[in-house]
PDB file of N, CA and C in Angstrom:
ATOM      1  N   MET A   1       6.252  20.823 -16.178  1.00  0.00           N
ATOM      2  CA  MET A   1       6.314  21.021 -14.669  1.00  0.00           C
ATOM      3  C   MET A   1       6.450  19.610 -14.023  1.00  0.00           C
ATOM      4  N   PHE A   2       5.669  18.729 -14.434  1.00  0.00           N
ATOM      5  CA  PHE A   2       5.731  17.328 -13.804  1.00  0.00           C
ATOM      6  C   PHE A   2       6.105  16.203 -14.870  1.00  0.00           C
ATOM      7  N   THR A   3       6.748  16.625 -15.872  1.00  0.00           N
ATOM      8  CA  THR A   3       7.225  15.622 -16.861  1.00  0.00           C
ATOM      9  C   THR A   3       8.742  15.368 -16.757  1.00  0.00           C
ATOM     10  N   ASP A   4       9.536  16.169 -16.100  1.00  0.00           N
ATOM     11  CA  ASP A   4      10.910  16.014 -15.803  1.00  0.00           C
ATOM     12  C   ASP A   4      11.213  16.798 -14.533  1.00  0.00           C
ATOM     13  N   PHE A   5      11.260  16.088 -13.398  1.00  0.00           N
ATOM     14  CA  PHE A   5      11.292  16.595 -12.088  1.00  0.00           C
ATOM     15  C   PHE A   5      12.165  15.785 -11.143  1.00  0.00           C
ATOM     16  N   THR A   6      12.490  16.374  -9.948  1.00  0.00           N
ATOM     17  CA  THR A   6      13.028  15.654  -8.908  1.00  0.00           C
ATOM     18  C   THR A   6      12.171  15.588  -7.687  1.00  0.00           C
ATOM     19  N   ALA A   7      12.203  14.606  -6.906  1.00  0.00           N
ATOM     20  CA  ALA A   7      11.428  14.493  -5.652  1.00  0.00           C
ATOM     21  C   ALA A   7      12.406  13.893  -4.593  1.00  0.00           C
ATOM     22  N   ASN A   8      12.154  14.197  -3.296  1.00  0.00           N
ATOM     23  CA  ASN A   8      12.815  13.649  -2.214  1.00  0.00           C
ATOM     24  C   ASN A   8      12.078  12.500  -1.666  1.00  0.00           C
ATOM     25  N   ASP A   9      12.623  11.263  -1.783  1.00  0.00           N
ATOM     26  CA  ASP A   9      12.054  10.004  -1.194  1.00  0.00           C
ATOM     27  C   ASP A   9      11.938  10.180   0.335  1.00  0.00           C
ATOM     28  N   ARG A  10      10.654  10.074   0.884  1.00  0.00           N
ATOM     29  CA  ARG A  10      10.605  10.322   2.285  1.00  0.00           C
ATOM     30  C   ARG A  10      11.443   9.339   3.082  1.00  0.00           C
ATOM     31  N   TRP A  11      11.528   8.086   2.715  1.00  0.00           N
ATOM     32  CA  TRP A  11      12.236   7.043   3.630  1.00  0.00           C
ATOM     33  C   TRP A  11      13.713   7.101   3.491  1.00  0.00           C
ATOM     34  N   THR A  12      14.205   7.218   2.170  1.00  0.00           N
ATOM     35  CA  THR A  12      15.640   7.257   2.040  1.00  0.00           C
ATOM     36  C   THR A  12      16.256   8.566   2.085  1.00  0.00           C
ATOM     37  N   LYS A  13      15.471   9.627   2.009  1.00  0.00           N
ATOM     38  CA  LYS A  13      15.946  11.075   2.023  1.00  0.00           C
ATOM     39  C   LYS A  13      16.712  11.241   0.708  1.00  0.00           C
ATOM     40  N   LYS A  14      16.684  10.348  -0.205  1.00  0.00           N
ATOM     41  CA  LYS A  14      17.415  10.433  -1.448  1.00  0.00           C
ATOM     42  C   LYS A  14      16.629  11.195  -2.398  1.00  0.00           C
ATOM     43  N   GLN A  15      17.307  12.084  -3.180  1.00  0.00           N
ATOM     44  CA  GLN A  15      16.657  12.802  -4.308  1.00  0.00           C
ATOM     45  C   GLN A  15      16.626  11.906  -5.523  1.00  0.00           C
ATOM     46  N   VAL A  16      15.416  11.759  -6.167  1.00  0.00           N
ATOM     47  CA  VAL A  16      15.285  10.868  -7.236  1.00  0.00           C
ATOM     48  C   VAL A  16      14.846  11.688  -8.425  1.00  0.00           C
ATOM     49  N   HIS A  17      15.299  11.336  -9.690  1.00  0.00           N
ATOM     50  CA  HIS A  17      14.910  12.042 -10.873  1.00  0.00           C
ATOM     51  C   HIS A  17      13.770  11.252 -11.596  1.00  0.00           C
ATOM     52  N   CYS A  18      12.756  11.919 -11.928  1.00  0.00           N
ATOM     53  CA  CYS A  18      11.594  11.438 -12.567  1.00  0.00           C
ATOM     54  C   CYS A  18      11.482  11.963 -13.950  1.00  0.00           C
ATOM     55  N   LEU A  19      11.373  11.138 -14.897  1.00  0.00           N
ATOM     56  CA  LEU A  19      11.284  11.574 -16.361  1.00  0.00           C
ATOM     57  C   LEU A  19      10.148  10.887 -17.034  1.00  0.00           C
ATOM     58  N   TYR A  20       9.205  11.673 -17.610  1.00  0.00           N
ATOM     59  CA  TYR A  20       8.105  11.065 -18.447  1.00  0.00           C
ATOM     60  C   TYR A  20       8.719  10.419 -19.607  1.00  0.00           C
ATOM     61  N   GLN A  21       8.165   9.230 -19.944  1.00  0.00           N
ATOM     62  CA  GLN A  21       8.592   8.394 -21.062  1.00  0.00           C
ATOM     63  C   GLN A  21       7.513   8.130 -22.034  1.00  0.00           C
ATOM     64  N   ALA A  22       6.275   7.687 -21.617  1.00  0.00           N
ATOM     65  CA  ALA A  22       5.301   7.296 -22.580  1.00  0.00           C
ATOM     66  C   ALA A  22       3.933   7.350 -21.977  1.00  0.00           C
ATOM     67  N   LEU A  23       2.950   7.569 -22.877  1.00  0.00           N
ATOM     68  CA  LEU A  23       1.485   7.601 -22.582  1.00  0.00           C
ATOM     69  C   LEU A  23       0.779   6.520 -23.406  1.00  0.00           C
ATOM     70  N   ILE A  24       0.276   5.558 -22.919  1.00  0.00           N
ATOM     71  CA  ILE A  24      -0.355   4.428 -23.688  1.00  0.00           C
ATOM     72  C   ILE A  24      -1.790   4.269 -23.256  1.00  0.00           C
ATOM     73  N   VAL A  25      -2.674   4.101 -24.231  1.00  0.00           N
ATOM     74  CA  VAL A  25      -4.094   3.790 -23.809  1.00  0.00           C
ATOM     75  C   VAL A  25      -4.114   2.234 -23.509  1.00  0.00           C
ATOM     76  N   ALA A  26      -4.424   1.963 -22.132  1.00  0.00           N
ATOM     77  CA  ALA A  26      -4.304   0.740 -21.619  1.00  0.00           C
ATOM     78  C   ALA A  26      -5.351  -0.330 -22.114  1.00  0.00           C
ATOM     79  N   ILE A  27      -6.324   0.124 -22.863  1.00  0.00           N
ATOM     80  CA  ILE A  27      -7.320  -0.825 -23.340  1.00  0.00           C
ATOM     81  C   ILE A  27      -6.575  -1.778 -24.315  1.00  0.00           C
ATOM     82  N   ALA A  28      -5.669  -1.201 -25.120  1.00  0.00           N
ATOM     83  CA  ALA A  28      -4.904  -2.044 -26.032  1.00  0.00           C
ATOM     84  C   ALA A  28      -3.903  -2.908 -25.452  1.00  0.00           C
ATOM     85  N   THR A  29      -3.208  -2.418 -24.415  1.00  0.00           N
ATOM     86  CA  THR A  29      -2.132  -3.171 -23.861  1.00  0.00           C
ATOM     87  C   THR A  29      -2.467  -4.233 -22.705  1.00  0.00           C
ATOM     88  N   ARG A  30      -3.474  -3.741 -21.785  1.00  0.00           N
ATOM     89  CA  ARG A  30      -3.772  -4.631 -20.767  1.00  0.00           C
ATOM     90  C   ARG A  30      -5.229  -4.760 -20.450  1.00  0.00           C
ATOM     91  N   HIS A  31      -6.037  -4.396 -21.439  1.00  0.00           N
ATOM     92  CA  HIS A  31      -7.491  -4.554 -21.451  1.00  0.00           C
ATOM     93  C   HIS A  31      -8.097  -3.771 -20.134  1.00  0.00           C
ATOM     94  N   ALA A  32      -7.574  -2.682 -19.861  1.00  0.00           N
ATOM     95  CA  ALA A  32      -8.037  -1.818 -18.836  1.00  0.00           C
ATOM     96  C   ALA A  32      -8.609  -0.549 -19.317  1.00  0.00           C
ATOM     97  N   ASP A  33      -9.602  -0.054 -18.591  1.00  0.00           N
ATOM     98  CA  ASP A  33     -10.322   1.188 -18.962  1.00  0.00           C
ATOM     99  C   ASP A  33      -9.514   2.327 -18.352  1.00  0.00           C
ATOM    100  N   ALA A  34      -8.247   2.629 -18.861  1.00  0.00           N
ATOM    101  CA  ALA A  34      -7.295   3.609 -18.286  1.00  0.00           C
ATOM    102  C   ALA A  34      -6.361   4.030 -19.350  1.00  0.00           C
ATOM    103  N   VAL A  35      -5.660   5.079 -18.926  1.00  0.00           N
ATOM    104  CA  VAL A  35      -4.484   5.548 -19.698  1.00  0.00           C
ATOM    105  C   VAL A  35      -3.251   5.305 -18.699  1.00  0.00           C
ATOM    106  N   ASP A  36      -2.287   4.655 -19.254  1.00  0.00           N
ATOM    107  CA  ASP A  36      -1.033   4.271 -18.480  1.00  0.00           C
ATOM    108  C   ASP A  36      -0.004   5.303 -18.945  1.00  0.00           C
ATOM    109  N   ILE A  37       0.604   5.900 -17.947  1.00  0.00           N
ATOM    110  CA  ILE A  37       1.683   6.865 -18.126  1.00  0.00           C
ATOM    111  C   ILE A  37       2.821   6.352 -17.490  1.00  0.00           C
ATOM    112  N   LYS A  38       3.931   6.260 -18.261  1.00  0.00           N
ATOM    113  CA  LYS A  38       5.258   5.611 -17.710  1.00  0.00           C
ATOM    114  C   LYS A  38       6.328   6.776 -17.525  1.00  0.00           C
ATOM    115  N   PHE A  39       6.846   6.546 -16.433  1.00  0.00           N
ATOM    116  CA  PHE A  39       7.943   7.446 -15.865  1.00  0.00           C
ATOM    117  C   PHE A  39       9.159   6.605 -15.607  1.00  0.00           C
ATOM    118  N   LEU A  40      10.330   7.183 -15.818  1.00  0.00           N
ATOM    119  CA  LEU A  40      11.553   6.537 -15.341  1.00  0.00           C
ATOM    120  C   LEU A  40      11.890   7.246 -13.974  1.00  0.00           C
ATOM    121  N   VAL A  41      11.970   6.516 -12.971  1.00  0.00           N
ATOM    122  CA  VAL A  41      12.268   7.079 -11.634  1.00  0.00           C
ATOM    123  C   VAL A  41      13.688   6.553 -11.342  1.00  0.00           C
ATOM    124  N   ASP A  42      14.778   7.389 -11.473  1.00  0.00           N
ATOM    125  CA  ASP A  42      16.174   6.986 -11.370  1.00  0.00           C
ATOM    126  C   ASP A  42      16.330   5.836 -12.372  1.00  0.00           C
ATOM    127  N   GLY A  43      15.740   5.810 -13.501  1.00  0.00           N
ATOM    128  CA  GLY A  43      15.970   4.855 -14.449  1.00  0.00           C
ATOM    129  C   GLY A  43      15.139   3.577 -14.373  1.00  0.00           C
ATOM    130  N   ARG A  44      14.323   3.497 -13.402  1.00  0.00           N
ATOM    131  CA  ARG A  44      13.486   2.330 -13.130  1.00  0.00           C
ATOM    132  C   ARG A  44      12.117   2.748 -13.583  1.00  0.00           C
ATOM    133  N   PRO A  45      11.433   1.825 -14.515  1.00  0.00           N
ATOM    134  CA  PRO A  45      10.092   2.167 -14.955  1.00  0.00           C
ATOM    135  C   PRO A  45       9.018   2.185 -13.852  1.00  0.00           C
ATOM    136  N   VAL A  46       8.166   3.149 -13.820  1.00  0.00           N
ATOM    137  CA  VAL A  46       7.017   3.262 -12.968  1.00  0.00           C
ATOM    138  C   VAL A  46       5.881   3.790 -13.787  1.00  0.00           C
ATOM    139  N   TRP A  47       4.710   2.996 -13.648  1.00  0.00           N
ATOM    140  CA  TRP A  47       3.574   3.323 -14.390  1.00  0.00           C
ATOM    141  C   TRP A  47       2.499   3.944 -13.449  1.00  0.00           C
ATOM    142  N   VAL A  48       1.750   4.971 -14.027  1.00  0.00           N
ATOM    143  CA  VAL A  48       0.599   5.618 -13.242  1.00  0.00           C
ATOM    144  C   VAL A  48      -0.618   5.401 -14.219  1.00  0.00           C
ATOM    145  N   ALA A  49      -1.524   4.722 -13.704  1.00  0.00           N
ATOM    146  CA  ALA A  49      -2.783   4.361 -14.511  1.00  0.00           C
ATOM    147  C   ALA A  49      -3.901   5.458 -14.087  1.00  0.00           C
ATOM    148  N   LEU A  50      -4.360   6.185 -15.044  1.00  0.00           N
ATOM    149  CA  LEU A  50      -5.535   7.156 -14.816  1.00  0.00           C
ATOM    150  C   LEU A  50      -6.727   6.482 -15.503  1.00  0.00           C
ATOM    151  N   PRO A  51      -7.803   6.425 -14.654  1.00  0.00           N
ATOM    152  CA  PRO A  51      -9.096   5.682 -15.231  1.00  0.00           C
ATOM    153  C   PRO A  51      -9.724   6.608 -16.287  1.00  0.00           C
ATOM    154  N   HIS A  52     -10.211   6.026 -17.410  1.00  0.00           N
ATOM    155  CA  HIS A  52     -10.925   6.789 -18.439  1.00  0.00           C
ATOM    156  C   HIS A  52     -12.241   7.495 -17.843  1.00  0.00           C
ATOM    157  N   PRO A  53     -12.876   6.919 -16.967  1.00  0.00           N
ATOM    158  CA  PRO A  53     -14.083   7.652 -16.459  1.00  0.00           C
ATOM    159  C   PRO A  53     -13.771   8.979 -15.875  1.00  0.00           C
ATOM    160  N   ALA A  54     -12.465   9.258 -15.453  1.00  0.00           N
ATOM    161  CA  ALA A  54     -12.143  10.519 -14.958  1.00  0.00           C
ATOM    162  C   ALA A  54     -12.242  11.600 -16.016  1.00  0.00           C
ATOM    163  N   TRP A  55     -11.989  11.260 -17.298  1.00  0.00           N
ATOM    164  CA  TRP A  55     -12.060  12.119 -18.389  1.00  0.00           C
ATOM    165  C   TRP A  55     -13.477  12.627 -18.468  1.00  0.00           C
ATOM    166  N   VAL A  56     -14.430  11.660 -18.389  1.00  0.00           N
ATOM    167  CA  VAL A  56     -15.924  11.919 -18.506  1.00  0.00           C
ATOM    168  C   VAL A  56     -16.286  12.819 -17.413  1.00  0.00           C
ATOM    169  N   GLU A  57     -15.982  12.418 -16.182  1.00  0.00           N
ATOM    170  CA  GLU A  57     -16.391  13.198 -14.969  1.00  0.00           C
ATOM    171  C   GLU A  57     -15.805  14.657 -15.005  1.00  0.00           C
ATOM    172  N   TYR A  58     -14.605  14.877 -15.409  1.00  0.00           N
ATOM    173  CA  TYR A  58     -14.046  16.221 -15.494  1.00  0.00           C
ATOM    174  C   TYR A  58     -14.781  16.980 -16.514  1.00  0.00           C
ATOM    175  N   LYS A  59     -15.094  16.444 -17.746  1.00  0.00           N
ATOM    176  CA  LYS A  59     -15.844  17.062 -18.754  1.00  0.00           C
ATOM    177  C   LYS A  59     -17.234  17.489 -18.245  1.00  0.00           C
ATOM    178  N   ASN A  60     -17.896  16.535 -17.632  1.00  0.00           N
ATOM    179  CA  ASN A  60     -19.240  16.867 -17.079  1.00  0.00           C
ATOM    180  C   ASN A  60     -19.185  17.983 -16.009  1.00  0.00           C
ATOM    181  N   ARG A  61     -18.237  17.970 -15.162  1.00  0.00           N
ATOM    182  CA  ARG A  61     -18.111  19.060 -14.079  1.00  0.00           C
ATOM    183  C   ARG A  61     -17.685  20.375 -14.650  1.00  0.00           C
ATOM    184  N   THR A  62     -16.810  20.379 -15.645  1.00  0.00           N
ATOM    185  CA  THR A  62     -16.272  21.682 -16.076  1.00  0.00           C
ATOM    186  C   THR A  62     -16.493  22.060 -17.528  1.00  0.00           C
ATOM    187  N   GLY A  63     -16.856  21.084 -18.349  1.00  0.00           N
ATOM    188  CA  GLY A  63     -16.928  21.366 -19.787  1.00  0.00           C
ATOM    189  C   GLY A  63     -15.631  21.354 -20.463  1.00  0.00           C
ATOM    190  N   ARG A  64     -14.533  21.076 -19.768  1.00  0.00           N
ATOM    191  CA  ARG A  64     -13.212  21.087 -20.329  1.00  0.00           C
ATOM    192  C   ARG A  64     -12.707  19.682 -20.404  1.00  0.00           C
ATOM    193  N   LEU A  65     -11.705  19.490 -21.331  1.00  0.00           N
ATOM    194  CA  LEU A  65     -11.105  18.139 -21.555  1.00  0.00           C
ATOM    195  C   LEU A  65      -9.814  17.953 -20.808  1.00  0.00           C
ATOM    196  N   ILE A  66      -9.508  16.718 -20.479  1.00  0.00           N
ATOM    197  CA  ILE A  66      -8.177  16.277 -20.030  1.00  0.00           C
ATOM    198  C   ILE A  66      -7.435  16.013 -21.301  1.00  0.00           C
ATOM    199  N   THR A  67      -6.425  16.779 -21.606  1.00  0.00           N
ATOM    200  CA  THR A  67      -5.575  16.509 -22.798  1.00  0.00           C
ATOM    201  C   THR A  67      -4.448  15.469 -22.370  1.00  0.00           C
ATOM    202  N   ASP A  68      -3.761  15.033 -23.397  1.00  0.00           N
ATOM    203  CA  ASP A  68      -2.604  14.195 -23.073  1.00  0.00           C
ATOM    204  C   ASP A  68      -1.553  14.888 -22.249  1.00  0.00           C
ATOM    205  N   SER A  69      -1.317  16.177 -22.520  1.00  0.00           N
ATOM    206  CA  SER A  69      -0.380  16.939 -21.727  1.00  0.00           C
ATOM    207  C   SER A  69      -0.780  17.030 -20.351  1.00  0.00           C
ATOM    208  N   LEU A  70      -2.112  17.254 -20.131  1.00  0.00           N
ATOM    209  CA  LEU A  70      -2.590  17.459 -18.744  1.00  0.00           C
ATOM    210  C   LEU A  70      -2.594  16.088 -18.083  1.00  0.00           C
ATOM    211  N   ALA A  71      -2.813  14.973 -18.694  1.00  0.00           N
ATOM    212  CA  ALA A  71      -2.660  13.753 -18.104  1.00  0.00           C
ATOM    213  C   ALA A  71      -1.378  13.433 -17.590  1.00  0.00           C
ATOM    214  N   LYS A  72      -0.379  13.703 -18.476  1.00  0.00           N
ATOM    215  CA  LYS A  72       1.008  13.606 -18.071  1.00  0.00           C
ATOM    216  C   LYS A  72       1.376  14.318 -16.792  1.00  0.00           C
ATOM    217  N   GLU A  73       0.824  15.568 -16.682  1.00  0.00           N
ATOM    218  CA  GLU A  73       0.998  16.411 -15.521  1.00  0.00           C
ATOM    219  C   GLU A  73       0.289  15.792 -14.240  1.00  0.00           C
ATOM    220  N   ILE A  74      -0.951  15.337 -14.522  1.00  0.00           N
ATOM    221  CA  ILE A  74      -1.648  14.670 -13.369  1.00  0.00           C
ATOM    222  C   ILE A  74      -0.827  13.447 -12.872  1.00  0.00           C
ATOM    223  N   ALA A  75      -0.336  12.628 -13.702  1.00  0.00           N
ATOM    224  CA  ALA A  75       0.440  11.444 -13.256  1.00  0.00           C
ATOM    225  C   ALA A  75       1.739  11.867 -12.549  1.00  0.00           C
ATOM    226  N   GLY A  76       2.449  12.969 -13.188  1.00  0.00           N
ATOM    227  CA  GLY A  76       3.648  13.360 -12.473  1.00  0.00           C
ATOM    228  C   GLY A  76       3.400  13.937 -11.125  1.00  0.00           C
ATOM    229  N   HIS A  77       2.284  14.748 -11.036  1.00  0.00           N
ATOM    230  CA  HIS A  77       1.879  15.279  -9.719  1.00  0.00           C
ATOM    231  C   HIS A  77       1.652  14.174  -8.698  1.00  0.00           C
ATOM    232  N   PHE A  78       1.037  13.132  -9.034  1.00  0.00           N
ATOM    233  CA  PHE A  78       0.788  12.054  -8.177  1.00  0.00           C
ATOM    234  C   PHE A  78       2.074  11.291  -7.808  1.00  0.00           C
ATOM    235  N   LEU A  79       2.866  11.171  -8.751  1.00  0.00           N
ATOM    236  CA  LEU A  79       4.190  10.424  -8.520  1.00  0.00           C
ATOM    237  C   LEU A  79       4.997  11.206  -7.473  1.00  0.00           C
ATOM    238  N   LYS A  80       5.086  12.526  -7.727  1.00  0.00           N
ATOM    239  CA  LYS A  80       5.871  13.392  -6.887  1.00  0.00           C
ATOM    240  C   LYS A  80       5.283  13.332  -5.490  1.00  0.00           C
ATOM    241  N   THR A  81       3.953  13.387  -5.310  1.00  0.00           N
ATOM    242  CA  THR A  81       3.361  13.386  -3.968  1.00  0.00           C
ATOM    243  C   THR A  81       3.507  12.020  -3.410  1.00  0.00           C
ATOM    244  N   ALA A  82       3.555  10.948  -4.124  1.00  0.00           N
ATOM    245  CA  ALA A  82       3.635   9.595  -3.586  1.00  0.00           C
ATOM    246  C   ALA A  82       5.034   9.397  -3.118  1.00  0.00           C
ATOM    247  N   LEU A  83       6.054   9.869  -3.770  1.00  0.00           N
ATOM    248  CA  LEU A  83       7.500   9.743  -3.373  1.00  0.00           C
ATOM    249  C   LEU A  83       7.720  10.513  -2.027  1.00  0.00           C
ATOM    250  N   GLU A  84       7.224  11.765  -2.115  1.00  0.00           N
ATOM    251  CA  GLU A  84       7.534  12.756  -1.006  1.00  0.00           C
ATOM    252  C   GLU A  84       6.755  12.349   0.312  1.00  0.00           C
ATOM    253  N   SER A  85       5.597  11.649   0.146  1.00  0.00           N
ATOM    254  CA  SER A  85       4.843  11.165   1.248  1.00  0.00           C
ATOM    255  C   SER A  85       5.203   9.800   1.720  1.00  0.00           C
ATOM    256  N   GLY A  86       5.995   9.109   1.056  1.00  0.00           N
ATOM    257  CA  GLY A  86       6.393   7.768   1.525  1.00  0.00           C
ATOM    258  C   GLY A  86       5.598   6.609   0.834  1.00  0.00           C
ATOM    259  N   GLU A  87       4.766   6.951  -0.145  1.00  0.00           N
ATOM    260  CA  GLU A  87       4.110   5.885  -0.804  1.00  0.00           C
ATOM    261  C   GLU A  87       4.681   5.295  -2.059  1.00  0.00           C
ATOM    262  N   GLY A  88       5.763   6.067  -2.458  1.00  0.00           N
ATOM    263  CA  GLY A  88       6.293   5.751  -3.809  1.00  0.00           C
ATOM    264  C   GLY A  88       7.596   4.890  -3.658  1.00  0.00           C
ATOM    265  N   LEU A  89       8.144   4.599  -4.887  1.00  0.00           N
ATOM    266  CA  LEU A  89       9.485   3.940  -5.011  1.00  0.00           C
ATOM    267  C   LEU A  89       9.493   2.381  -4.805  1.00  0.00           C
ATOM    268  N   GLY A  90       8.353   1.891  -4.267  1.00  0.00           N
ATOM    269  CA  GLY A  90       8.362   0.426  -3.986  1.00  0.00           C
ATOM    270  C   GLY A  90       7.560  -0.440  -5.065  1.00  0.00           C
ATOM    271  N   ARG A  91       6.700   0.330  -5.860  1.00  0.00           N
ATOM    272  CA  ARG A  91       5.913  -0.294  -6.748  1.00  0.00           C
ATOM    273  C   ARG A  91       6.208   0.037  -8.236  1.00  0.00           C
ATOM    274  N   GLU A  92       5.786  -0.877  -9.089  1.00  0.00           N
ATOM    275  CA  GLU A  92       6.001  -0.626 -10.553  1.00  0.00           C
ATOM    276  C   GLU A  92       4.783   0.042 -11.151  1.00  0.00           C
ATOM    277  N   MET A  93       3.558  -0.144 -10.521  1.00  0.00           N
ATOM    278  CA  MET A  93       2.306   0.353 -11.108  1.00  0.00           C
ATOM    279  C   MET A  93       1.466   0.886 -10.040  1.00  0.00           C
ATOM    280  N   TYR A  94       0.879   2.161 -10.340  1.00  0.00           N
ATOM    281  CA  TYR A  94      -0.040   2.741  -9.404  1.00  0.00           C
ATOM    282  C   TYR A  94      -1.329   2.942 -10.187  1.00  0.00           C
ATOM    283  N   SER A  95      -2.468   2.500  -9.744  1.00  0.00           N
ATOM    284  CA  SER A  95      -3.733   2.784 -10.345  1.00  0.00           C
ATOM    285  C   SER A  95      -4.662   3.678  -9.565  1.00  0.00           C
ATOM    286  N   LEU A  96      -4.834   4.851 -10.133  1.00  0.00           N
ATOM    287  CA  LEU A  96      -5.609   5.922  -9.334  1.00  0.00           C
ATOM    288  C   LEU A  96      -7.166   5.665  -9.569  1.00  0.00           C
ATOM    289  N   THR A  97      -7.897   6.169  -8.685  1.00  0.00           N
ATOM    290  CA  THR A  97      -9.302   6.174  -8.727  1.00  0.00           C
ATOM    291  C   THR A  97      -9.663   7.431  -9.445  1.00  0.00           C
ATOM    292  N   ILE A  98     -11.026   7.553  -9.754  1.00  0.00           N
ATOM    293  CA  ILE A  98     -11.424   8.848 -10.424  1.00  0.00           C
ATOM    294  C   ILE A  98     -11.154   9.985  -9.462  1.00  0.00           C
ATOM    295  N   ALA A  99     -11.605   9.799  -8.225  1.00  0.00           N
ATOM    296  CA  ALA A  99     -11.347  10.956  -7.157  1.00  0.00           C
ATOM    297  C   ALA A  99      -9.937  11.314  -7.038  1.00  0.00           C
ATOM    298  N   GLU A 100      -9.069  10.304  -7.014  1.00  0.00           N
ATOM    299  CA  GLU A 100      -7.611  10.573  -6.884  1.00  0.00           C
ATOM    300  C   GLU A 100      -7.077  11.365  -8.132  1.00  0.00           C
ATOM    301  N   THR A 101      -7.650  10.921  -9.316  1.00  0.00           N
ATOM    302  CA  THR A 101      -7.170  11.561 -10.580  1.00  0.00           C
ATOM    303  C   THR A 101      -7.645  13.045 -10.523  1.00  0.00           C
ATOM    304  N   LEU A 102      -8.788  13.239 -10.188  1.00  0.00           N
ATOM    305  CA  LEU A 102      -9.401  14.551 -10.201  1.00  0.00           C
ATOM    306  C   LEU A 102      -8.681  15.529  -9.091  1.00  0.00           C
ATOM    307  N   HIS A 103      -8.395  14.936  -7.931  1.00  0.00           N
ATOM    308  CA  HIS A 103      -7.529  15.624  -6.905  1.00  0.00           C
ATOM    309  C   HIS A 103      -6.198  16.008  -7.429  1.00  0.00           C
ATOM    310  N   HIS A 104      -5.505  15.167  -8.048  1.00  0.00           N
ATOM    311  CA  HIS A 104      -4.245  15.503  -8.578  1.00  0.00           C
ATOM    312  C   HIS A 104      -4.297  16.455  -9.808  1.00  0.00           C
ATOM    313  N   LEU A 105      -5.460  16.429 -10.474  1.00  0.00           N
ATOM    314  CA  LEU A 105      -5.648  17.386 -11.585  1.00  0.00           C
ATOM    315  C   LEU A 105      -5.795  18.841 -10.938  1.00  0.00           C
ATOM    316  N   GLU A 106      -6.551  18.896  -9.841  1.00  0.00           N
ATOM    317  CA  GLU A 106      -6.688  20.154  -9.174  1.00  0.00           C
ATOM    318  C   GLU A 106      -5.340  20.718  -8.659  1.00  0.00           C
ATOM    319  N   GLY A 107      -4.474  19.732  -8.158  1.00  0.00           N
ATOM    320  CA  GLY A 107      -3.143  20.224  -7.758  1.00  0.00           C
ATOM    321  C   GLY A 107      -2.291  20.732  -8.794  1.00  0.00           C
ATOM    322  N   VAL A 108      -2.478  20.137 -10.105  1.00  0.00           N
ATOM    323  CA  VAL A 108      -1.745  20.803 -11.235  1.00  0.00           C
ATOM    324  C   VAL A 108      -2.210  22.055 -11.573  1.00  0.00           C
ATOM    325  N   VAL A 109      -3.644  22.103 -11.669  1.00  0.00           N
ATOM    326  CA  VAL A 109      -4.197  23.406 -12.078  1.00  0.00           C
ATOM    327  C   VAL A 109      -3.885  24.477 -11.066  1.00  0.00           C
ATOM    328  N   ALA A 110      -4.019  24.130  -9.758  1.00  0.00           N
ATOM    329  CA  ALA A 110      -3.557  25.147  -8.743  1.00  0.00           C
ATOM    330  C   ALA A 110      -2.159  25.708  -8.937  1.00  0.00           C
ATOM    331  N   GLY A 111      -1.326  24.751  -9.187  1.00  0.00           N
ATOM    332  CA  GLY A 111       0.056  25.158  -9.376  1.00  0.00           C
ATOM    333  C   GLY A 111       0.469  25.892 -10.570  1.00  0.00           C
ATOM    334  N   ALA A 112      -0.453  25.838 -11.576  1.00  0.00           N
ATOM    335  CA  ALA A 112      -0.188  26.487 -12.857  1.00  0.00           C
ATOM    336  C   ALA A 112      -0.863  27.914 -12.918  1.00  0.00           C
ATOM    337  N   GLU A 113      -1.861  28.131 -12.002  1.00  0.00           N
ATOM    338  CA  GLU A 113      -2.515  29.462 -12.130  1.00  0.00           C
ATOM    339  C   GLU A 113      -1.664  30.521 -11.782  1.00  0.00           C
ATOM    340  N   PRO A 114      -1.620  31.622 -12.656  1.00  0.00           N
ATOM    341  CA  PRO A 114      -0.812  32.795 -12.368  1.00  0.00           C
ATOM    342  C   PRO A 114      -1.218  33.444 -11.069  1.00  0.00           C
ATOM    343  N   PRO A 115      -0.196  34.031 -10.367  1.00  0.00           N
ATOM    344  CA  PRO A 115      -0.532  34.657  -9.115  1.00  0.00           C
ATOM    345  C   PRO A 115      -1.517  35.854  -9.311  1.00  0.00           C
ATOM    346  N   VAL A 116      -2.317  36.096  -8.254  1.00  0.00           N
ATOM    347  CA  VAL A 116      -3.222  37.214  -8.408  1.00  0.00           C
ATOM    348  C   VAL A 116      -2.479  38.523  -8.287  1.00  0.00           C
ATOM    349  N   PRO A 117      -2.658  39.487  -9.098  1.00  0.00           N
ATOM    350  CA  PRO A 117      -1.885  40.769  -8.972  1.00  0.00           C
ATOM    351  C   PRO A 117      -2.343  41.477  -7.713  1.00  0.00           C
ATOM    352  N   ALA A 118      -1.256  42.016  -7.024  1.00  0.00           N
ATOM    353  CA  ALA A 118      -1.470  42.805  -5.816  1.00  0.00           C
ATOM    354  C   ALA A 118      -2.212  44.142  -6.176  1.00  0.00           C
ATOM    355  N   THR A 119      -3.191  44.516  -5.287  1.00  0.00           N
ATOM    356  CA  THR A 119      -3.869  45.794  -5.490  1.00  0.00           C
ATOM    357  C   THR A 119      -3.192  46.826  -4.631  1.00  0.00           C
ATOM    358  N   ARG A 120      -3.308  48.020  -5.054  1.00  0.00           N
ATOM    359  CA  ARG A 120      -2.607  49.168  -4.389  1.00  0.00           C
ATOM    360  C   ARG A 120      -3.529  49.785  -3.464  1.00  0.00           C
TER     361      ARG A 120
END
């Protein structure tokens, strides 16, 4: 859903193509307590950093885990939202807070839930 998508940049009105490219534990690469998720936005690298404590918080709240696949979706949801709201396309790296990560996780989950069947 959010690993290969298009978004309309708010300022340029241009449609941009976003493609997931990599997921890297940032402890090893930049000594950060985060997971870095790389997208190509019209061929330009853009990183979204999700803080590790968000994994713990989500597990404590729900008993469920944030998987790598879900982390990619969270980052993609953030990126699409940032582009369409005018916050995106100008930076190479975005670092989310725990609250922002969980907010975008909720957005992914809400969009993935099957519709409620109509009653007769």
